[in-house]
Amino acid sequence: MIRVLLADDEPLLRAGVALLLSHADDIEVVAEAGDGAEAIAAVRRQEIDVALVDIRMPKVDGLAAVEEIAVVAPDVRVIVLTTFGDEAYVARALRAGAAGFLLKDAEPTQILHAVRAATAGDAVLSPRVTRRVIERSLAADSASDQRAARARERLRPLTHREREVLVMLGRGMANAEIGQRLDLSAGTVKVHVSRILVKLGCANRVQAAILANDAGLLAE
């Protein structure tokens, strides 16, 4: 059973997400929090596998909570769930070790998938968020030939198959979708993604996607 913490200052939203998760046989909401401080206290006092954390909350905000949870309960997989798709929030959440970043207008199935994927050690990011982060990165330094050359050099260790997976990852595809496109199992794709991250020295999928974009792979 996947034990979930819901942290959001809107009781109605917490109730809605809790109701959604209650229909899953393998997921149980074991704690709720109305702010970041309560979320940190919850992971300290009980066993939690996945925390769904909002960004804008009173006292301690969600991003500060993600950073603290990474220290006091590093085994908890945190998914940032918010209405705010600002790239700066994404970057800080990922640097803090978040396992996923979803907007609150995500489909219910996406939230369920994100909880399960995070438990399995996979990072889940809304394709829309991934694209915005990549576009922001490109706009910040679109004319840097040096940056592109460095990115291409870092991609040299990848096999042909790993480059194919990287391109699809960079376009915001989940493992299952990549597997369908390449006729591979989701497990095999997960192995490829893990190897890609190690070879590229990237902490998460978005960093790998930005690198692929810098190298010009996503324009091909």
N, C-alpha and C. Protein backbone atom coordinates (compact mmCIF):
# COMPACT_ATOMS: atom_id res chain seq x y z
N MET A 1 0.84 -1.20 0.00
CA MET A 1 0.00 0.00 0.00
C MET A 1 0.88 1.25 0.00
N ILE A 2 0.60 2.18 -0.88
CA ILE A 2 1.36 3.43 -0.97
C ILE A 2 0.75 4.44 0.01
N ARG A 3 1.55 4.88 0.96
CA ARG A 3 1.08 5.80 1.99
C ARG A 3 1.35 7.24 1.55
N VAL A 4 0.27 8.04 1.50
CA VAL A 4 0.35 9.38 0.91
C VAL A 4 0.03 10.46 1.93
N LEU A 5 0.80 11.54 1.86
CA LEU A 5 0.51 12.77 2.61
C LEU A 5 0.00 13.81 1.64
N LEU A 6 -1.09 14.50 1.98
CA LEU A 6 -1.62 15.60 1.19
C LEU A 6 -1.36 16.90 1.94
N ALA A 7 -0.63 17.83 1.31
CA ALA A 7 -0.35 19.11 1.94
C ALA A 7 -0.86 20.24 1.05
N ASP A 8 -1.92 20.90 1.51
CA ASP A 8 -2.53 22.01 0.76
C ASP A 8 -3.34 22.83 1.74
N ASP A 9 -3.33 24.15 1.60
CA ASP A 9 -4.06 24.98 2.55
C ASP A 9 -5.53 25.11 2.21
N GLU A 10 -5.98 24.48 1.13
CA GLU A 10 -7.39 24.51 0.76
C GLU A 10 -8.04 23.16 1.13
N PRO A 11 -8.84 23.13 2.19
CA PRO A 11 -9.46 21.86 2.63
C PRO A 11 -10.29 21.19 1.53
N LEU A 12 -10.96 22.00 0.72
CA LEU A 12 -11.80 21.42 -0.33
C LEU A 12 -10.94 20.68 -1.36
N LEU A 13 -9.82 21.26 -1.71
CA LEU A 13 -8.95 20.60 -2.67
C LEU A 13 -8.37 19.32 -2.08
N ARG A 14 -7.94 19.39 -0.81
CA ARG A 14 -7.43 18.18 -0.16
C ARG A 14 -8.48 17.08 -0.17
N ALA A 15 -9.72 17.47 0.10
CA ALA A 15 -10.80 16.48 0.13
C ALA A 15 -11.00 15.85 -1.24
N GLY A 16 -10.91 16.68 -2.29
CA GLY A 16 -11.09 16.17 -3.65
C GLY A 16 -10.00 15.19 -4.05
N VAL A 17 -8.74 15.54 -3.75
CA VAL A 17 -7.63 14.65 -4.09
C VAL A 17 -7.69 13.38 -3.25
N ALA A 18 -8.06 13.53 -1.96
CA ALA A 18 -8.18 12.36 -1.10
C ALA A 18 -9.26 11.41 -1.63
N LEU A 19 -10.37 11.98 -2.10
CA LEU A 19 -11.44 11.15 -2.66
C LEU A 19 -10.95 10.42 -3.90
N LEU A 20 -10.23 11.12 -4.76
CA LEU A 20 -9.68 10.50 -5.96
C LEU A 20 -8.77 9.33 -5.59
N LEU A 21 -7.84 9.57 -4.66
CA LEU A 21 -6.89 8.53 -4.30
C LEU A 21 -7.55 7.36 -3.57
N SER A 22 -8.67 7.63 -2.88
CA SER A 22 -9.34 6.57 -2.12
C SER A 22 -9.92 5.50 -3.02
N HIS A 23 -10.12 5.82 -4.30
CA HIS A 23 -10.67 4.83 -5.24
C HIS A 23 -9.60 3.85 -5.73
N ALA A 24 -8.34 4.13 -5.42
CA ALA A 24 -7.25 3.25 -5.85
C ALA A 24 -6.99 2.21 -4.76
N ASP A 25 -6.95 0.95 -5.14
CA ASP A 25 -6.77 -0.13 -4.17
C ASP A 25 -5.37 -0.13 -3.54
N ASP A 26 -4.40 0.48 -4.22
CA ASP A 26 -3.01 0.42 -3.76
C ASP A 26 -2.52 1.71 -3.13
N ILE A 27 -3.44 2.67 -2.89
CA ILE A 27 -3.04 3.98 -2.35
C ILE A 27 -3.90 4.32 -1.14
N GLU A 28 -3.26 4.84 -0.09
CA GLU A 28 -3.99 5.24 1.11
C GLU A 28 -3.48 6.61 1.58
N VAL A 29 -4.39 7.55 1.80
CA VAL A 29 -4.02 8.85 2.36
C VAL A 29 -3.92 8.67 3.88
N VAL A 30 -2.71 8.79 4.42
CA VAL A 30 -2.50 8.54 5.84
C VAL A 30 -2.33 9.82 6.64
N ALA A 31 -2.15 10.96 5.96
CA ALA A 31 -1.97 12.23 6.68
C ALA A 31 -2.33 13.39 5.77
N GLU A 32 -2.79 14.49 6.39
CA GLU A 32 -3.06 15.72 5.67
C GLU A 32 -2.41 16.89 6.42
N ALA A 33 -2.07 17.94 5.66
CA ALA A 33 -1.44 19.10 6.27
C ALA A 33 -1.95 20.36 5.59
N GLY A 34 -2.11 21.43 6.37
CA GLY A 34 -2.61 22.68 5.84
C GLY A 34 -1.53 23.69 5.52
N ASP A 35 -0.29 23.35 5.86
CA ASP A 35 0.84 24.23 5.53
C ASP A 35 2.12 23.41 5.55
N GLY A 36 3.23 24.06 5.14
CA GLY A 36 4.48 23.34 5.03
C GLY A 36 5.00 22.82 6.36
N ALA A 37 4.79 23.59 7.42
CA ALA A 37 5.26 23.16 8.74
C ALA A 37 4.56 21.87 9.17
N GLU A 38 3.26 21.79 8.93
CA GLU A 38 2.51 20.58 9.26
C GLU A 38 2.97 19.40 8.41
N ALA A 39 3.31 19.66 7.16
CA ALA A 39 3.79 18.59 6.28
C ALA A 39 5.11 18.03 6.79
N ILE A 40 6.02 18.92 7.20
CA ILE A 40 7.31 18.47 7.74
C ILE A 40 7.10 17.66 9.01
N ALA A 41 6.20 18.13 9.88
CA ALA A 41 5.91 17.40 11.12
C ALA A 41 5.34 16.02 10.82
N ALA A 42 4.50 15.93 9.78
CA ALA A 42 3.86 14.66 9.44
C ALA A 42 4.88 13.62 8.99
N VAL A 43 5.84 14.03 8.16
CA VAL A 43 6.83 13.04 7.69
C VAL A 43 7.81 12.66 8.80
N ARG A 44 7.91 13.50 9.81
CA ARG A 44 8.77 13.17 10.96
C ARG A 44 8.13 12.11 11.84
N ARG A 45 6.80 12.16 11.98
CA ARG A 45 6.16 11.31 12.98
C ARG A 45 5.60 9.99 12.44
N GLN A 46 5.48 9.85 11.10
CA GLN A 46 4.92 8.60 10.59
C GLN A 46 5.51 8.22 9.26
N GLU A 47 5.31 6.96 8.89
CA GLU A 47 5.84 6.43 7.64
C GLU A 47 5.01 6.93 6.46
N ILE A 48 5.65 7.63 5.55
CA ILE A 48 4.98 8.15 4.36
C ILE A 48 5.84 7.83 3.15
N ASP A 49 5.20 7.39 2.07
CA ASP A 49 5.93 7.04 0.85
C ASP A 49 5.96 8.22 -0.13
N VAL A 50 4.81 8.88 -0.30
CA VAL A 50 4.69 9.97 -1.27
C VAL A 50 3.98 11.15 -0.63
N ALA A 51 4.52 12.34 -0.84
CA ALA A 51 3.87 13.56 -0.35
C ALA A 51 3.46 14.41 -1.55
N LEU A 52 2.19 14.76 -1.63
CA LEU A 52 1.69 15.69 -2.63
C LEU A 52 1.64 17.07 -1.96
N VAL A 53 2.47 17.98 -2.43
CA VAL A 53 2.67 19.25 -1.72
C VAL A 53 2.36 20.44 -2.62
N ASP A 54 1.49 21.33 -2.13
CA ASP A 54 1.18 22.57 -2.83
C ASP A 54 2.33 23.56 -2.60
N ILE A 55 2.45 24.57 -3.46
CA ILE A 55 3.52 25.55 -3.31
C ILE A 55 3.13 26.67 -2.35
N ARG A 56 2.04 27.35 -2.64
CA ARG A 56 1.69 28.55 -1.87
C ARG A 56 0.83 28.16 -0.67
N MET A 57 1.50 28.09 0.48
CA MET A 57 0.84 27.77 1.74
C MET A 57 1.35 28.72 2.81
N PRO A 58 0.57 28.97 3.88
CA PRO A 58 1.00 29.88 4.94
C PRO A 58 2.12 29.28 5.79
N LYS A 59 2.72 30.12 6.60
CA LYS A 59 3.80 29.76 7.54
C LYS A 59 5.04 29.29 6.79
N VAL A 60 5.06 28.05 6.37
CA VAL A 60 6.17 27.51 5.58
C VAL A 60 5.60 27.11 4.22
N ASP A 61 6.13 27.67 3.13
CA ASP A 61 5.56 27.36 1.82
C ASP A 61 6.01 25.97 1.36
N GLY A 62 5.40 25.52 0.26
CA GLY A 62 5.65 24.17 -0.21
C GLY A 62 7.08 23.92 -0.65
N LEU A 63 7.71 24.90 -1.28
CA LEU A 63 9.08 24.71 -1.75
C LEU A 63 10.04 24.57 -0.57
N ALA A 64 9.85 25.37 0.46
CA ALA A 64 10.68 25.23 1.67
C ALA A 64 10.42 23.88 2.32
N ALA A 65 9.17 23.42 2.27
CA ALA A 65 8.83 22.11 2.84
C ALA A 65 9.52 20.99 2.08
N VAL A 66 9.55 21.11 0.74
CA VAL A 66 10.24 20.10 -0.07
C VAL A 66 11.71 20.01 0.32
N GLU A 67 12.34 21.16 0.49
CA GLU A 67 13.76 21.19 0.86
C GLU A 67 14.00 20.57 2.23
N GLU A 68 13.11 20.84 3.18
CA GLU A 68 13.27 20.29 4.52
C GLU A 68 12.97 18.80 4.56
N ILE A 69 11.94 18.38 3.83
CA ILE A 69 11.60 16.95 3.79
C ILE A 69 12.76 16.13 3.21
N ALA A 70 13.45 16.70 2.22
CA ALA A 70 14.60 16.01 1.63
C ALA A 70 15.68 15.76 2.67
N VAL A 71 15.73 16.59 3.72
CA VAL A 71 16.74 16.44 4.77
C VAL A 71 16.25 15.49 5.87
N VAL A 72 15.03 15.71 6.35
CA VAL A 72 14.55 14.94 7.51
C VAL A 72 13.94 13.59 7.14
N ALA A 73 13.47 13.45 5.89
CA ALA A 73 12.86 12.19 5.45
C ALA A 73 13.20 11.95 3.98
N PRO A 74 14.47 11.67 3.69
CA PRO A 74 14.92 11.56 2.29
C PRO A 74 14.26 10.46 1.48
N ASP A 75 13.66 9.48 2.16
CA ASP A 75 13.00 8.40 1.43
C ASP A 75 11.61 8.77 0.93
N VAL A 76 11.07 9.88 1.42
CA VAL A 76 9.75 10.33 0.97
C VAL A 76 9.88 10.94 -0.42
N ARG A 77 9.05 10.47 -1.34
CA ARG A 77 9.05 11.00 -2.70
C ARG A 77 8.03 12.13 -2.75
N VAL A 78 8.48 13.33 -3.10
CA VAL A 78 7.61 14.51 -3.08
C VAL A 78 7.19 14.89 -4.50
N ILE A 79 5.89 15.05 -4.68
CA ILE A 79 5.33 15.55 -5.93
C ILE A 79 4.73 16.92 -5.66
N VAL A 80 5.22 17.92 -6.35
CA VAL A 80 4.70 19.28 -6.19
C VAL A 80 3.46 19.41 -7.06
N LEU A 81 2.35 19.73 -6.42
CA LEU A 81 1.07 19.87 -7.11
C LEU A 81 0.57 21.29 -6.92
N THR A 82 0.48 22.05 -8.01
CA THR A 82 0.17 23.48 -7.87
C THR A 82 -0.57 24.03 -9.08
N THR A 83 -1.15 25.19 -8.89
CA THR A 83 -1.76 25.89 -10.02
C THR A 83 -0.74 26.77 -10.72
N PHE A 84 0.44 26.92 -10.15
CA PHE A 84 1.44 27.84 -10.67
C PHE A 84 2.47 27.08 -11.49
N GLY A 85 2.52 27.36 -12.80
CA GLY A 85 3.44 26.65 -13.68
C GLY A 85 4.71 27.41 -13.94
N ASP A 86 5.06 28.37 -13.06
CA ASP A 86 6.25 29.19 -13.28
C ASP A 86 7.50 28.33 -13.26
N GLU A 87 8.36 28.52 -14.26
CA GLU A 87 9.56 27.71 -14.40
C GLU A 87 10.49 27.83 -13.20
N ALA A 88 10.51 28.97 -12.54
CA ALA A 88 11.38 29.15 -11.38
C ALA A 88 10.97 28.20 -10.26
N TYR A 89 9.66 28.00 -10.09
CA TYR A 89 9.19 27.06 -9.08
C TYR A 89 9.66 25.65 -9.43
N VAL A 90 9.55 25.29 -10.71
CA VAL A 90 9.96 23.96 -11.15
C VAL A 90 11.44 23.74 -10.84
N ALA A 91 12.27 24.71 -11.22
CA ALA A 91 13.71 24.57 -11.02
C ALA A 91 14.05 24.39 -9.55
N ARG A 92 13.44 25.20 -8.69
CA ARG A 92 13.76 25.09 -7.25
C ARG A 92 13.27 23.77 -6.69
N ALA A 93 12.07 23.34 -7.10
CA ALA A 93 11.54 22.08 -6.61
C ALA A 93 12.41 20.90 -7.03
N LEU A 94 12.88 20.92 -8.27
CA LEU A 94 13.72 19.83 -8.76
C LEU A 94 15.08 19.84 -8.08
N ARG A 95 15.64 21.02 -7.87
CA ARG A 95 16.92 21.11 -7.16
C ARG A 95 16.79 20.56 -5.75
N ALA A 96 15.61 20.74 -5.15
CA ALA A 96 15.39 20.27 -3.79
C ALA A 96 15.15 18.76 -3.73
N GLY A 97 14.99 18.14 -4.89
CA GLY A 97 14.82 16.69 -4.92
C GLY A 97 13.41 16.20 -5.16
N ALA A 98 12.52 17.09 -5.62
CA ALA A 98 11.15 16.65 -5.91
C ALA A 98 11.14 15.56 -6.98
N ALA A 99 10.25 14.60 -6.82
CA ALA A 99 10.15 13.49 -7.76
C ALA A 99 9.16 13.79 -8.88
N GLY A 100 8.45 14.89 -8.79
CA GLY A 100 7.48 15.20 -9.82
C GLY A 100 6.94 16.61 -9.65
N PHE A 101 6.35 17.11 -10.72
CA PHE A 101 5.78 18.45 -10.70
C PHE A 101 4.56 18.43 -11.60
N LEU A 102 3.38 18.55 -10.99
CA LEU A 102 2.13 18.49 -11.75
C LEU A 102 1.31 19.75 -11.48
N LEU A 103 0.63 20.23 -12.50
CA LEU A 103 -0.31 21.33 -12.32
C LEU A 103 -1.65 20.77 -11.84
N LYS A 104 -2.39 21.60 -11.11
CA LYS A 104 -3.65 21.12 -10.53
C LYS A 104 -4.72 20.84 -11.56
N ASP A 105 -4.50 21.28 -12.81
CA ASP A 105 -5.48 20.94 -13.84
C ASP A 105 -5.14 19.62 -14.53
N ALA A 106 -4.20 18.86 -13.94
CA ALA A 106 -3.84 17.56 -14.49
C ALA A 106 -5.04 16.62 -14.41
N GLU A 107 -5.12 15.69 -15.34
CA GLU A 107 -6.19 14.70 -15.32
C GLU A 107 -6.04 13.82 -14.08
N PRO A 108 -7.15 13.34 -13.51
CA PRO A 108 -7.06 12.45 -12.34
C PRO A 108 -6.14 11.26 -12.57
N THR A 109 -6.16 10.70 -13.77
CA THR A 109 -5.29 9.56 -14.06
C THR A 109 -3.82 9.95 -13.98
N GLN A 110 -3.50 11.21 -14.32
CA GLN A 110 -2.11 11.66 -14.24
C GLN A 110 -1.63 11.71 -12.79
N ILE A 111 -2.53 12.13 -11.89
CA ILE A 111 -2.15 12.19 -10.48
C ILE A 111 -1.93 10.79 -9.93
N LEU A 112 -2.80 9.87 -10.27
CA LEU A 112 -2.64 8.48 -9.83
C LEU A 112 -1.34 7.89 -10.38
N HIS A 113 -1.10 8.15 -11.65
CA HIS A 113 0.13 7.65 -12.28
C HIS A 113 1.36 8.25 -11.61
N ALA A 114 1.30 9.53 -11.28
CA ALA A 114 2.44 10.20 -10.67
C ALA A 114 2.77 9.60 -9.31
N VAL A 115 1.75 9.30 -8.51
CA VAL A 115 1.98 8.70 -7.19
C VAL A 115 2.64 7.34 -7.33
N ARG A 116 2.12 6.54 -8.26
CA ARG A 116 2.69 5.19 -8.45
C ARG A 116 4.09 5.25 -9.03
N ALA A 117 4.30 6.15 -9.98
CA ALA A 117 5.61 6.26 -10.61
C ALA A 117 6.64 6.75 -9.62
N ALA A 118 6.27 7.72 -8.78
CA ALA A 118 7.20 8.23 -7.78
C ALA A 118 7.61 7.12 -6.82
N THR A 119 6.65 6.29 -6.44
CA THR A 119 6.94 5.17 -5.55
C THR A 119 7.93 4.21 -6.19
N ALA A 120 7.83 4.05 -7.50
CA ALA A 120 8.72 3.14 -8.23
C ALA A 120 10.08 3.78 -8.53
N GLY A 121 10.26 5.02 -8.09
CA GLY A 121 11.55 5.68 -8.30
C GLY A 121 11.65 6.46 -9.58
N ASP A 122 10.52 6.67 -10.26
CA ASP A 122 10.53 7.41 -11.52
C ASP A 122 10.14 8.86 -11.27
N ALA A 123 10.67 9.76 -12.05
CA ALA A 123 10.30 11.17 -11.94
C ALA A 123 9.17 11.47 -12.91
N VAL A 124 8.18 12.18 -12.45
CA VAL A 124 7.02 12.49 -13.28
C VAL A 124 6.85 13.99 -13.37
N LEU A 125 6.88 14.51 -14.59
CA LEU A 125 6.71 15.94 -14.81
C LEU A 125 5.65 16.15 -15.88
N SER A 126 4.77 17.08 -15.63
CA SER A 126 3.77 17.43 -16.63
C SER A 126 4.47 17.79 -17.94
N PRO A 127 4.07 17.18 -19.07
CA PRO A 127 4.68 17.54 -20.35
C PRO A 127 4.64 19.04 -20.63
N ARG A 128 3.56 19.70 -20.20
CA ARG A 128 3.45 21.14 -20.41
C ARG A 128 4.52 21.89 -19.61
N VAL A 129 4.77 21.42 -18.38
CA VAL A 129 5.80 22.04 -17.56
C VAL A 129 7.17 21.78 -18.17
N THR A 130 7.41 20.55 -18.62
CA THR A 130 8.70 20.22 -19.24
C THR A 130 8.97 21.12 -20.43
N ARG A 131 7.97 21.29 -21.28
CA ARG A 131 8.15 22.14 -22.46
C ARG A 131 8.47 23.58 -22.08
N ARG A 132 7.79 24.10 -21.06
CA ARG A 132 8.00 25.49 -20.66
C ARG A 132 9.40 25.69 -20.09
N VAL A 133 9.88 24.70 -19.32
CA VAL A 133 11.22 24.82 -18.78
C VAL A 133 12.25 24.82 -19.90
N ILE A 134 12.06 23.94 -20.89
CA ILE A 134 12.98 23.87 -22.02
C ILE A 134 12.95 25.18 -22.81
N GLU A 135 11.75 25.70 -23.06
CA GLU A 135 11.63 26.95 -23.82
C GLU A 135 12.30 28.10 -23.08
N ARG A 136 12.15 28.12 -21.75
CA ARG A 136 12.77 29.18 -20.94
C ARG A 136 14.30 29.08 -21.04
N SER A 137 14.79 27.84 -20.99
CA SER A 137 16.24 27.63 -21.10
C SER A 137 16.75 28.09 -22.45
N LEU A 138 16.01 27.77 -23.50
CA LEU A 138 16.42 28.14 -24.86
C LEU A 138 16.42 29.65 -25.02
N ALA A 139 15.38 30.30 -24.53
CA ALA A 139 15.27 31.75 -24.68
C ALA A 139 16.38 32.47 -23.92
N ALA A 140 16.83 31.88 -22.82
CA ALA A 140 17.85 32.53 -22.00
C ALA A 140 19.21 32.57 -22.68
N ASP A 141 19.45 31.63 -23.59
CA ASP A 141 20.79 31.58 -24.19
C ASP A 141 20.73 30.92 -25.55
N SER A 142 19.82 31.35 -26.39
CA SER A 142 19.59 30.69 -27.66
C SER A 142 20.75 30.85 -28.63
N ALA A 143 21.59 31.87 -28.44
CA ALA A 143 22.65 32.15 -29.40
C ALA A 143 24.00 31.59 -28.99
N SER A 144 24.05 30.77 -27.94
CA SER A 144 25.32 30.30 -27.42
C SER A 144 25.81 29.07 -28.17
N ASP A 145 26.72 29.27 -29.12
CA ASP A 145 27.31 28.13 -29.82
C ASP A 145 28.15 27.28 -28.87
N GLN A 146 28.78 27.95 -27.92
CA GLN A 146 29.61 27.23 -26.96
C GLN A 146 28.78 26.29 -26.11
N ARG A 147 27.63 26.78 -25.70
CA ARG A 147 26.73 25.95 -24.89
C ARG A 147 26.28 24.74 -25.69
N ALA A 148 25.92 24.93 -26.94
CA ALA A 148 25.48 23.82 -27.79
C ALA A 148 26.60 22.80 -27.98
N ALA A 149 27.83 23.30 -28.17
CA ALA A 149 28.97 22.39 -28.35
C ALA A 149 29.21 21.57 -27.09
N ARG A 150 29.09 22.21 -25.93
CA ARG A 150 29.28 21.49 -24.67
C ARG A 150 28.21 20.42 -24.50
N ALA A 151 26.97 20.76 -24.86
CA ALA A 151 25.87 19.80 -24.74
C ALA A 151 26.09 18.60 -25.66
N ARG A 152 26.51 18.85 -26.90
CA ARG A 152 26.75 17.75 -27.84
C ARG A 152 27.89 16.85 -27.35
N GLU A 153 28.90 17.46 -26.74
CA GLU A 153 30.01 16.67 -26.21
C GLU A 153 29.53 15.76 -25.08
N ARG A 154 28.66 16.27 -24.22
CA ARG A 154 28.14 15.46 -23.11
C ARG A 154 27.27 14.32 -23.60
N LEU A 155 26.65 14.47 -24.78
CA LEU A 155 25.78 13.43 -25.31
C LEU A 155 26.55 12.31 -26.03
N ARG A 156 27.84 12.51 -26.24
CA ARG A 156 28.62 11.54 -27.02
C ARG A 156 28.58 10.11 -26.46
N PRO A 157 28.57 9.91 -25.14
CA PRO A 157 28.57 8.53 -24.61
C PRO A 157 27.27 7.76 -24.86
N LEU A 158 26.21 8.44 -25.26
CA LEU A 158 24.91 7.76 -25.43
C LEU A 158 24.90 6.85 -26.65
N THR A 159 24.23 5.72 -26.51
CA THR A 159 24.01 4.84 -27.66
C THR A 159 22.91 5.43 -28.53
N HIS A 160 22.73 4.85 -29.71
CA HIS A 160 21.68 5.33 -30.61
C HIS A 160 20.31 5.21 -29.95
N ARG A 161 20.06 4.08 -29.29
CA ARG A 161 18.76 3.88 -28.63
C ARG A 161 18.57 4.89 -27.51
N GLU A 162 19.62 5.14 -26.74
CA GLU A 162 19.50 6.11 -25.65
C GLU A 162 19.23 7.51 -26.18
N ARG A 163 19.79 7.85 -27.32
CA ARG A 163 19.50 9.17 -27.92
C ARG A 163 18.04 9.24 -28.34
N GLU A 164 17.51 8.13 -28.89
CA GLU A 164 16.09 8.10 -29.27
C GLU A 164 15.21 8.33 -28.05
N VAL A 165 15.53 7.64 -26.95
CA VAL A 165 14.76 7.79 -25.72
C VAL A 165 14.88 9.22 -25.20
N LEU A 166 16.07 9.78 -25.27
CA LEU A 166 16.29 11.14 -24.78
C LEU A 166 15.45 12.15 -25.55
N VAL A 167 15.36 12.00 -26.85
CA VAL A 167 14.55 12.92 -27.66
C VAL A 167 13.09 12.88 -27.21
N MET A 168 12.56 11.68 -27.01
CA MET A 168 11.15 11.55 -26.61
C MET A 168 10.93 12.04 -25.19
N LEU A 169 11.90 11.78 -24.33
CA LEU A 169 11.86 12.31 -22.97
C LEU A 169 11.83 13.83 -23.01
N GLY A 170 12.65 14.40 -23.90
CA GLY A 170 12.72 15.85 -24.04
C GLY A 170 11.44 16.47 -24.55
N ARG A 171 10.63 15.67 -25.22
CA ARG A 171 9.33 16.16 -25.72
C ARG A 171 8.21 15.91 -24.73
N GLY A 172 8.58 15.53 -23.49
CA GLY A 172 7.60 15.41 -22.42
C GLY A 172 6.87 14.09 -22.36
N MET A 173 7.36 13.07 -23.06
CA MET A 173 6.67 11.78 -23.06
C MET A 173 7.01 10.98 -21.80
N ALA A 174 6.02 10.27 -21.28
CA ALA A 174 6.23 9.38 -20.15
C ALA A 174 6.84 8.07 -20.64
N ASN A 175 7.33 7.26 -19.70
CA ASN A 175 7.99 6.01 -20.08
C ASN A 175 7.09 5.09 -20.90
N ALA A 176 5.81 5.00 -20.51
CA ALA A 176 4.91 4.11 -21.23
C ALA A 176 4.73 4.55 -22.68
N GLU A 177 4.61 5.86 -22.90
CA GLU A 177 4.44 6.38 -24.25
C GLU A 177 5.71 6.17 -25.08
N ILE A 178 6.86 6.38 -24.46
CA ILE A 178 8.13 6.13 -25.16
C ILE A 178 8.21 4.67 -25.56
N GLY A 179 7.81 3.79 -24.65
CA GLY A 179 7.84 2.36 -24.93
C GLY A 179 6.96 1.99 -26.11
N GLN A 180 5.78 2.61 -26.18
CA GLN A 180 4.88 2.33 -27.30
C GLN A 180 5.49 2.78 -28.61
N ARG A 181 6.14 3.94 -28.61
CA ARG A 181 6.74 4.47 -29.84
C ARG A 181 7.92 3.61 -30.31
N LEU A 182 8.68 3.07 -29.36
CA LEU A 182 9.89 2.33 -29.71
C LEU A 182 9.72 0.81 -29.59
N ASP A 183 8.50 0.37 -29.29
CA ASP A 183 8.21 -1.05 -29.12
C ASP A 183 9.07 -1.66 -28.01
N LEU A 184 9.11 -0.96 -26.88
CA LEU A 184 9.86 -1.42 -25.71
C LEU A 184 8.92 -1.46 -24.52
N SER A 185 9.25 -2.29 -23.53
CA SER A 185 8.46 -2.30 -22.30
C SER A 185 8.78 -1.05 -21.50
N ALA A 186 7.83 -0.67 -20.63
CA ALA A 186 8.07 0.51 -19.78
C ALA A 186 9.28 0.29 -18.88
N GLY A 187 9.49 -0.96 -18.45
CA GLY A 187 10.64 -1.28 -17.62
C GLY A 187 11.95 -1.07 -18.35
N THR A 188 11.98 -1.45 -19.62
CA THR A 188 13.19 -1.27 -20.42
C THR A 188 13.46 0.22 -20.62
N VAL A 189 12.40 0.98 -20.87
CA VAL A 189 12.57 2.43 -21.03
C VAL A 189 13.11 3.04 -19.75
N LYS A 190 12.60 2.58 -18.60
CA LYS A 190 13.07 3.10 -17.32
C LYS A 190 14.57 2.85 -17.15
N VAL A 191 15.03 1.67 -17.57
CA VAL A 191 16.46 1.36 -17.49
C VAL A 191 17.25 2.31 -18.39
N HIS A 192 16.74 2.54 -19.60
CA HIS A 192 17.41 3.47 -20.52
C HIS A 192 17.49 4.86 -19.92
N VAL A 193 16.39 5.31 -19.32
CA VAL A 193 16.37 6.66 -18.73
C VAL A 193 17.38 6.75 -17.60
N SER A 194 17.44 5.73 -16.76
CA SER A 194 18.39 5.73 -15.65
C SER A 194 19.83 5.82 -16.17
N ARG A 195 20.12 5.06 -17.22
CA ARG A 195 21.46 5.09 -17.79
C ARG A 195 21.78 6.45 -18.42
N ILE A 196 20.77 7.03 -19.07
CA ILE A 196 20.96 8.36 -19.67
C ILE A 196 21.31 9.38 -18.61
N LEU A 197 20.57 9.37 -17.49
CA LEU A 197 20.82 10.34 -16.43
C LEU A 197 22.22 10.18 -15.85
N VAL A 198 22.65 8.92 -15.68
CA VAL A 198 23.98 8.67 -15.14
C VAL A 198 25.05 9.16 -16.13
N LYS A 199 24.91 8.80 -17.41
CA LYS A 199 25.91 9.17 -18.41
C LYS A 199 26.00 10.69 -18.58
N LEU A 200 24.87 11.36 -18.47
CA LEU A 200 24.85 12.81 -18.68
C LEU A 200 25.14 13.60 -17.40
N GLY A 201 25.13 12.90 -16.27
CA GLY A 201 25.34 13.59 -15.00
C GLY A 201 24.18 14.48 -14.64
N CYS A 202 22.97 14.07 -15.03
CA CYS A 202 21.76 14.85 -14.77
C CYS A 202 21.01 14.27 -13.56
N ALA A 203 20.43 15.15 -12.75
CA ALA A 203 19.71 14.71 -11.57
C ALA A 203 18.29 14.29 -11.86
N ASN A 204 17.73 14.74 -12.99
CA ASN A 204 16.34 14.43 -13.28
C ASN A 204 16.07 14.56 -14.77
N ARG A 205 14.84 14.22 -15.17
CA ARG A 205 14.47 14.19 -16.58
C ARG A 205 14.50 15.57 -17.22
N VAL A 206 14.11 16.59 -16.46
CA VAL A 206 14.07 17.93 -17.05
C VAL A 206 15.48 18.41 -17.37
N GLN A 207 16.44 18.14 -16.50
CA GLN A 207 17.81 18.52 -16.80
C GLN A 207 18.30 17.83 -18.07
N ALA A 208 17.94 16.55 -18.23
CA ALA A 208 18.32 15.81 -19.43
C ALA A 208 17.63 16.39 -20.66
N ALA A 209 16.37 16.78 -20.51
CA ALA A 209 15.62 17.34 -21.62
C ALA A 209 16.22 18.68 -22.06
N ILE A 210 16.63 19.50 -21.11
CA ILE A 210 17.25 20.78 -21.44
C ILE A 210 18.56 20.56 -22.18
N LEU A 211 19.32 19.56 -21.74
CA LEU A 211 20.59 19.26 -22.39
C LEU A 211 20.35 18.80 -23.84
N ALA A 212 19.32 17.98 -24.04
CA ALA A 212 18.98 17.52 -25.38
C ALA A 212 18.59 18.70 -26.26
N ASN A 213 17.86 19.64 -25.70
CA ASN A 213 17.46 20.82 -26.44
C ASN A 213 18.67 21.68 -26.80
N ASP A 214 19.59 21.86 -25.82
CA ASP A 214 20.78 22.64 -26.07
C ASP A 214 21.62 22.04 -27.20
N ALA A 215 21.63 20.71 -27.27
CA ALA A 215 22.43 20.02 -28.28
C ALA A 215 21.75 20.00 -29.63
N GLY A 216 20.52 20.48 -29.71
CA GLY A 216 19.81 20.54 -30.97
C GLY A 216 19.03 19.30 -31.33
N LEU A 217 18.94 18.33 -30.40
CA LEU A 217 18.25 17.08 -30.72
C LEU A 217 16.75 17.28 -30.91
N LEU A 218 16.16 18.20 -30.18
CA LEU A 218 14.70 18.36 -30.25
C LEU A 218 14.26 19.12 -31.48
N ALA A 219 15.21 19.69 -32.22
CA ALA A 219 14.88 20.41 -33.46
C ALA A 219 14.98 19.49 -34.65
N GLU A 220 15.49 18.27 -34.44
CA GLU A 220 15.71 17.36 -35.57
C GLU A 220 14.41 16.70 -35.98
